[in-house]
């Protein structure tokens, strides 16, 4: 009879203990679209973005102050540039979710997982695998159906803005991978500078006449529900999410974290339908299923061998404590 050591028996349990907080991040990120939609109008987008990130930026700065001061001038400039792109992403996402459903927003933004490998392949002049191209086709068909739940019409403004946000996310990922100055930068410091750059963009836009309510006016009009939604976006979707990711990658594999976070669009759909009362219709449900299937297939088709190796090495490391 084979005897399994207590250490080996405990390894799967430790893996799940690391997985649960990461899965919680995917759940709150999925709920972020509905939360943003609930507290934001087209007149308060910039104000809400200023409030959301200005609340958490001091916490991040204090938590990593010593490492933040250690950044070189080149790292600061590069992180600042990434912050401008990040600001564009949040503007497109937030304006987009005001004009479309939370379900559509969460599912369309997941196309980043398809766009990024395609863009990387184009930069490297390498043809994507047949499997990945098939996954991309399935995802695109899914988005077409998803945005046509009420019958075949032109995609709405919100859908197009979210699609633009997915493309901007792709640009952000490519820049992160290719700007040498940030390759060895501390993750917390890099995030803090990027968010600082994004908040600066939002604050400057808020000061321009005709861009909507000021942060102070928006805050004055908030009731209990709006403050709760803002706290959810700031504390859970930003602070909690960042620190869990930093904690998890030290206890599990990056690929495992990535796969768990990849369930975000599923939770966006669940929140939009179950809590927000959104209606997709038969075409919409078919499209949602195709988007989820296509993005999951695409993630596995990009580098299945690397994913398996990473999981194997990580599993060995965890089993040895």
Protein backbone atom coordinates (compact mmCIF):
# COMPACT_ATOMS: atom_id res chain seq x y z
CA UNK A 1 0.00 0.00 0.00
CA UNK A 2 1.33 3.44 -0.95
CA UNK A 3 1.74 5.80 1.96
CA UNK A 4 1.30 9.49 1.18
CA UNK A 5 3.24 11.82 3.42
CA UNK A 6 1.37 14.54 5.31
CA UNK A 7 3.40 17.16 3.42
CA UNK A 8 2.16 15.87 0.05
CA UNK A 9 -1.41 15.65 1.34
CA UNK A 10 -1.20 19.25 2.52
CA UNK A 11 0.15 20.56 -0.81
CA UNK A 12 -3.22 20.68 -2.64
CA UNK A 13 -4.80 22.29 0.41
CA UNK A 14 -2.09 24.98 0.47
CA UNK A 15 -2.61 25.55 -3.25
CA UNK A 16 -6.32 26.14 -2.73
CA UNK A 17 -5.64 28.47 0.18
CA UNK A 18 -3.53 30.54 -2.22
CA UNK A 19 -6.13 30.22 -5.00
CA UNK A 20 -9.13 31.45 -3.02
CA UNK A 21 -7.92 35.06 -2.50
CA UNK A 22 -6.98 35.26 -6.21
CA UNK A 23 -10.41 33.95 -7.17
CA UNK A 24 -11.88 36.61 -4.85
CA UNK A 25 -9.98 39.25 -6.86
CA UNK A 26 -11.52 37.91 -10.09
CA UNK A 27 -14.97 38.10 -8.46
CA UNK A 28 -14.55 41.72 -7.28
CA UNK A 29 -13.07 42.75 -10.63
CA UNK A 30 -16.08 41.18 -12.32
CA UNK A 31 -18.34 43.17 -10.01
CA UNK A 32 -16.42 46.40 -10.65
CA UNK A 33 -18.27 47.07 -13.93
CA UNK A 34 -21.66 46.98 -12.22
CA UNK A 35 -20.33 49.06 -9.31
CA UNK A 36 -18.88 51.69 -11.67
CA UNK A 37 -22.12 51.78 -13.63
CA UNK A 38 -24.08 52.26 -10.41
CA UNK A 39 -22.19 55.35 -9.21
CA UNK A 40 -21.17 56.99 -12.50
CA UNK A 41 -22.94 59.05 -15.14
CA UNK A 42 -21.48 60.57 -18.28
CA UNK A 43 -21.27 63.84 -16.29
CA UNK A 44 -19.26 62.36 -13.38
CA UNK A 45 -16.83 59.89 -15.03
CA UNK A 46 -13.69 61.98 -14.48
CA UNK A 47 -14.74 63.01 -10.97
CA UNK A 48 -15.31 59.39 -9.93
CA UNK A 49 -11.94 58.35 -11.35
CA UNK A 50 -10.18 61.11 -9.38
CA UNK A 51 -11.93 60.04 -6.18
CA UNK A 52 -11.39 56.31 -6.75
CA UNK A 53 -7.64 56.45 -7.18
CA UNK A 54 -6.83 59.48 -5.03
CA UNK A 55 -8.21 57.52 -2.07
CA UNK A 56 -5.79 54.61 -2.49
CA UNK A 57 -2.70 56.37 -3.84
CA UNK A 58 -1.47 57.61 -0.41
CA UNK A 59 -1.77 54.08 1.01
CA UNK A 60 0.32 52.63 -1.82
CA UNK A 61 2.90 55.42 -1.49
CA UNK A 62 3.29 54.93 2.28
CA UNK A 63 3.44 51.12 1.95
CA UNK A 64 6.30 51.25 -0.54
CA UNK A 65 7.96 54.58 0.22
CA UNK A 66 11.52 53.27 0.60
CA UNK A 67 11.36 51.31 -2.67
CA UNK A 68 9.59 54.21 -4.38
CA UNK A 69 12.50 56.52 -3.54
CA UNK A 70 14.93 53.96 -4.97
CA UNK A 71 13.48 54.22 -8.50
CA UNK A 72 15.84 55.74 -11.05
CA UNK A 73 14.93 58.73 -13.20
CA UNK A 74 14.52 56.43 -16.23
CA UNK A 75 12.18 54.15 -14.27
CA UNK A 76 10.11 57.11 -13.11
CA UNK A 77 9.79 58.45 -16.66
CA UNK A 78 8.84 55.05 -18.04
CA UNK A 79 6.32 54.38 -15.28
CA UNK A 80 4.88 57.85 -15.86
CA UNK A 81 4.41 57.05 -19.56
CA UNK A 82 2.68 53.80 -18.64
CA UNK A 83 0.50 55.82 -16.28
CA UNK A 84 -0.73 57.96 -19.19
CA UNK A 85 -1.77 54.81 -21.05
CA UNK A 86 -3.38 53.45 -17.89
CA UNK A 87 -5.34 56.68 -17.53
CA UNK A 88 -6.62 56.25 -21.09
CA UNK A 89 -7.69 52.70 -20.30
CA UNK A 90 -9.73 53.77 -17.26
CA UNK A 91 -11.33 56.65 -19.17
CA UNK A 92 -12.41 54.36 -22.02
CA UNK A 93 -13.63 51.65 -19.63
CA UNK A 94 -15.59 54.01 -17.40
CA UNK A 95 -17.19 56.02 -20.20
CA UNK A 96 -17.89 52.73 -21.95
CA UNK A 97 -19.65 51.08 -19.01
CA UNK A 98 -21.89 54.16 -18.66
CA UNK A 99 -23.16 53.52 -22.19
CA UNK A 100 -23.40 49.73 -22.20
CA UNK A 101 -24.28 46.94 -19.82
CA UNK A 102 -21.90 45.68 -17.13
CA UNK A 103 -22.19 42.22 -18.70
CA UNK A 104 -21.10 43.46 -22.13
CA UNK A 105 -18.26 45.50 -20.62
CA UNK A 106 -16.79 42.58 -18.68
CA UNK A 107 -16.98 40.19 -21.62
CA UNK A 108 -15.73 42.57 -24.32
CA UNK A 109 -12.75 43.68 -22.20
CA UNK A 110 -11.71 40.02 -21.95
CA UNK A 111 -10.72 40.24 -25.62
CA UNK A 112 -7.45 41.68 -24.30
CA UNK A 113 -6.44 38.04 -23.79
CA UNK A 114 -6.85 37.56 -27.55
CA UNK A 115 -5.52 40.92 -28.76
CA UNK A 116 -2.29 40.77 -26.74
CA UNK A 117 -0.86 37.54 -28.21
CA UNK A 118 -1.93 38.67 -31.70
CA UNK A 119 -0.13 42.00 -31.25
CA UNK A 120 2.93 40.27 -29.81
CA UNK A 121 3.00 37.89 -32.78
CA UNK A 122 2.79 40.85 -35.18
CA UNK A 123 5.65 42.65 -33.41
CA UNK A 124 7.79 39.52 -33.51
CA UNK A 125 6.65 38.69 -37.07
CA UNK A 126 5.62 35.23 -36.00
CA UNK A 127 2.38 33.65 -37.16
CA UNK A 128 0.04 32.62 -34.32
CA UNK A 129 -0.84 28.95 -34.03
CA UNK A 130 -3.89 27.60 -35.83
CA UNK A 131 -5.50 26.83 -32.49
CA UNK A 132 -5.08 30.39 -31.29
CA UNK A 133 -6.51 31.84 -34.52
CA UNK A 134 -9.50 29.54 -34.07
CA UNK A 135 -9.94 30.80 -30.50
CA UNK A 136 -9.75 34.41 -31.71
CA UNK A 137 -12.41 33.76 -34.35
CA UNK A 138 -14.72 32.18 -31.77
CA UNK A 139 -14.24 35.17 -29.45
CA UNK A 140 -14.95 37.73 -32.16
CA UNK A 141 -18.13 35.91 -33.23
CA UNK A 142 -19.10 35.81 -29.56
CA UNK A 143 -18.70 39.59 -29.17
CA UNK A 144 -20.78 40.19 -32.32
CA UNK A 145 -23.60 38.05 -30.93
CA UNK A 146 -23.22 39.51 -27.43
CA UNK A 147 -23.80 43.05 -28.66
CA UNK A 148 -26.84 41.99 -30.72
CA UNK A 149 -29.05 40.65 -27.94
CA UNK A 150 -31.97 42.79 -29.11
CA UNK A 151 -31.46 41.96 -32.80
CA UNK A 152 -28.77 42.70 -35.34
CA UNK A 153 -27.89 46.40 -35.08
CA UNK A 154 -24.71 48.46 -35.09
CA UNK A 155 -22.71 48.04 -31.84
CA UNK A 156 -23.48 50.78 -29.34
CA UNK A 157 -21.09 53.58 -28.32
CA UNK A 158 -20.38 51.87 -25.01
CA UNK A 159 -19.45 48.60 -26.70
CA UNK A 160 -17.02 50.42 -29.01
CA UNK A 161 -15.45 52.31 -26.09
CA UNK A 162 -14.91 49.07 -24.17
CA UNK A 163 -13.39 47.55 -27.32
CA UNK A 164 -11.04 50.54 -27.42
CA UNK A 165 -10.17 49.91 -23.77
CA UNK A 166 -9.27 46.31 -24.62
CA UNK A 167 -6.94 47.56 -27.36
CA UNK A 168 -5.43 50.10 -24.94
CA UNK A 169 -4.86 47.33 -22.38
CA UNK A 170 -3.03 45.42 -25.09
CA UNK A 171 -0.79 48.44 -25.75
CA UNK A 172 -0.12 48.73 -22.01
CA UNK A 173 0.94 45.09 -21.76
CA UNK A 174 3.24 45.39 -24.79
CA UNK A 175 4.87 48.54 -23.40
CA UNK A 176 5.36 46.90 -20.00
CA UNK A 177 7.11 44.01 -21.71
CA UNK A 178 9.30 46.13 -23.97
CA UNK A 179 10.36 49.19 -21.95
CA UNK A 180 13.67 48.05 -20.49
CA UNK A 181 13.69 50.58 -17.66
CA UNK A 182 10.71 48.94 -15.92
CA UNK A 183 11.80 45.33 -16.30
CA UNK A 184 13.52 45.18 -12.91
CA UNK A 185 11.39 47.81 -11.16
CA UNK A 186 9.62 46.95 -7.92
CA UNK A 187 5.98 46.04 -8.66
CA UNK A 188 4.48 48.16 -5.89
CA UNK A 189 6.54 51.22 -6.84
CA UNK A 190 5.75 50.80 -10.52
CA UNK A 191 2.02 50.56 -9.79
CA UNK A 192 2.12 53.60 -7.50
CA UNK A 193 3.82 55.80 -10.11
CA UNK A 194 1.45 54.60 -12.84
CA UNK A 195 -1.62 55.34 -10.74
CA UNK A 196 -0.12 58.69 -9.81
CA UNK A 197 0.29 59.51 -13.50
CA UNK A 198 -3.28 58.42 -14.21
CA UNK A 199 -4.68 60.51 -11.33
CA UNK A 200 -2.73 63.52 -12.63
CA UNK A 201 -4.40 63.06 -16.02
CA UNK A 202 -7.85 62.82 -14.40
CA UNK A 203 -7.21 65.87 -12.20
CA UNK A 204 -6.09 67.98 -15.17
CA UNK A 205 -9.14 66.93 -17.18
CA UNK A 206 -11.40 67.70 -14.21
CA UNK A 207 -10.01 71.26 -14.17
CA UNK A 208 -10.99 71.81 -17.82
CA UNK A 209 -14.39 73.54 -18.19
CA UNK A 210 -17.07 71.36 -19.76
CA UNK A 211 -15.61 67.98 -18.72
CA UNK A 212 -18.28 67.30 -16.11
CA UNK A 213 -18.74 67.69 -12.38
CA UNK A 214 -15.76 68.40 -10.17
CA UNK A 215 -14.67 65.65 -7.75
CA UNK A 216 -15.87 67.79 -4.83
CA UNK A 217 -19.30 68.37 -6.35
CA UNK A 218 -19.68 64.67 -7.18
CA UNK A 219 -18.63 63.67 -3.66
CA UNK A 220 -21.11 66.14 -2.14
CA UNK A 221 -23.94 64.52 -4.13
CA UNK A 222 -23.01 60.96 -3.11
CA UNK A 223 -25.35 59.09 -0.83
CA UNK A 224 -24.61 55.97 1.21
CA UNK A 225 -24.93 53.65 -1.80
CA UNK A 226 -22.55 55.74 -3.92
CA UNK A 227 -19.92 55.92 -1.16
CA UNK A 228 -20.22 52.16 -0.69
CA UNK A 229 -19.69 51.64 -4.43
CA UNK A 230 -16.69 53.96 -4.43
CA UNK A 231 -15.20 52.16 -1.42
CA UNK A 232 -15.70 48.84 -3.21
CA UNK A 233 -13.85 50.12 -6.28
CA UNK A 234 -11.05 51.73 -4.26
CA UNK A 235 -10.46 49.25 -1.45
CA UNK A 236 -11.36 45.91 -2.98
CA UNK A 237 -10.84 46.36 -6.74
CA UNK A 238 -7.59 48.32 -6.32
CA UNK A 239 -5.83 47.87 -2.95
CA UNK A 240 -7.03 44.36 -2.13
CA UNK A 241 -6.53 43.16 -5.70
CA UNK A 242 -2.97 44.46 -5.97
CA UNK A 243 -1.74 43.10 -2.66
CA UNK A 244 -3.37 39.70 -3.22
CA UNK A 245 -1.60 39.39 -6.56
CA UNK A 246 1.75 40.26 -4.97
CA UNK A 247 1.07 37.72 -2.21
CA UNK A 248 -0.18 34.97 -4.52
CA UNK A 249 2.64 34.94 -7.06
CA UNK A 250 5.02 34.09 -4.20
CA UNK A 251 2.91 31.09 -3.17
CA UNK A 252 1.71 29.70 -6.49
CA UNK A 253 2.66 29.99 -10.15
CA UNK A 254 2.09 33.10 -12.28
CA UNK A 255 0.19 30.97 -14.80
CA UNK A 256 -2.16 29.69 -12.10
CA UNK A 257 -2.81 33.27 -10.94
CA UNK A 258 -3.43 34.31 -14.56
CA UNK A 259 -5.91 31.51 -15.17
CA UNK A 260 -7.88 32.34 -12.03
CA UNK A 261 -7.98 36.05 -12.88
CA UNK A 262 -9.14 35.03 -16.35
CA UNK A 263 -12.53 34.13 -14.85
CA UNK A 264 -13.23 37.89 -14.41
CA UNK A 265 -15.62 38.13 -17.42
CA UNK A 266 -17.67 35.23 -16.05
CA UNK A 267 -18.19 37.09 -12.76
CA UNK A 268 -18.99 40.30 -14.66
CA UNK A 269 -21.78 38.45 -16.45
CA UNK A 270 -23.02 36.89 -13.21
CA UNK A 271 -23.10 40.28 -11.45
CA UNK A 272 -24.77 42.04 -14.36
CA UNK A 273 -27.49 39.44 -14.78
CA UNK A 274 -28.09 38.30 -11.19
CA UNK A 275 -27.63 41.62 -9.37
CA UNK A 276 -28.03 44.28 -12.06
CA UNK A 277 -31.06 42.64 -13.67
CA UNK A 278 -29.51 42.89 -17.14
CA UNK A 279 -31.08 40.93 -19.98
CA UNK A 280 -29.04 39.35 -22.74
CA UNK A 281 -31.54 37.42 -24.83
CA UNK A 282 -30.77 34.17 -26.69
CA UNK A 283 -28.20 35.79 -29.00
CA UNK A 284 -26.53 37.49 -26.06
CA UNK A 285 -26.25 34.28 -24.04
CA UNK A 286 -24.82 32.47 -27.07
CA UNK A 287 -22.31 35.28 -27.55
CA UNK A 288 -21.33 35.27 -23.88
CA UNK A 289 -20.71 31.53 -24.01
CA UNK A 290 -18.56 31.91 -27.15
CA UNK A 291 -16.51 34.76 -25.63
CA UNK A 292 -15.79 32.73 -22.49
CA UNK A 293 -14.97 29.61 -24.51
CA UNK A 294 -12.82 31.50 -27.01
CA UNK A 295 -10.77 33.37 -24.42
CA UNK A 296 -10.25 30.20 -22.36
CA UNK A 297 -9.17 28.31 -25.49
CA UNK A 298 -6.92 31.19 -26.51
CA UNK A 299 -5.17 31.28 -23.12
CA UNK A 300 -4.35 27.61 -23.38
CA UNK A 301 -3.34 27.82 -27.05
CA UNK A 302 -0.78 30.61 -26.51
CA UNK A 303 1.73 28.52 -24.59
CA UNK A 304 0.28 25.27 -23.24
CA UNK A 305 3.67 23.69 -22.74
CA UNK A 306 4.94 26.64 -20.73
CA UNK A 307 1.78 26.58 -18.60
CA UNK A 308 2.24 22.89 -17.80
CA UNK A 309 5.94 23.30 -16.98
CA UNK A 310 5.19 26.25 -14.70
CA UNK A 311 2.49 24.32 -12.91
CA UNK A 312 4.77 21.29 -12.48
CA UNK A 313 7.65 23.35 -11.06
CA UNK A 314 5.32 25.32 -8.81
CA UNK A 315 3.69 22.13 -7.56
CA UNK A 316 7.08 20.65 -6.67
CA UNK A 317 8.06 23.83 -4.86
CA UNK A 318 4.83 23.89 -2.84
CA UNK A 319 5.02 20.17 -1.99
CA UNK A 320 8.41 20.75 -0.41
CA UNK A 321 7.08 23.64 1.70
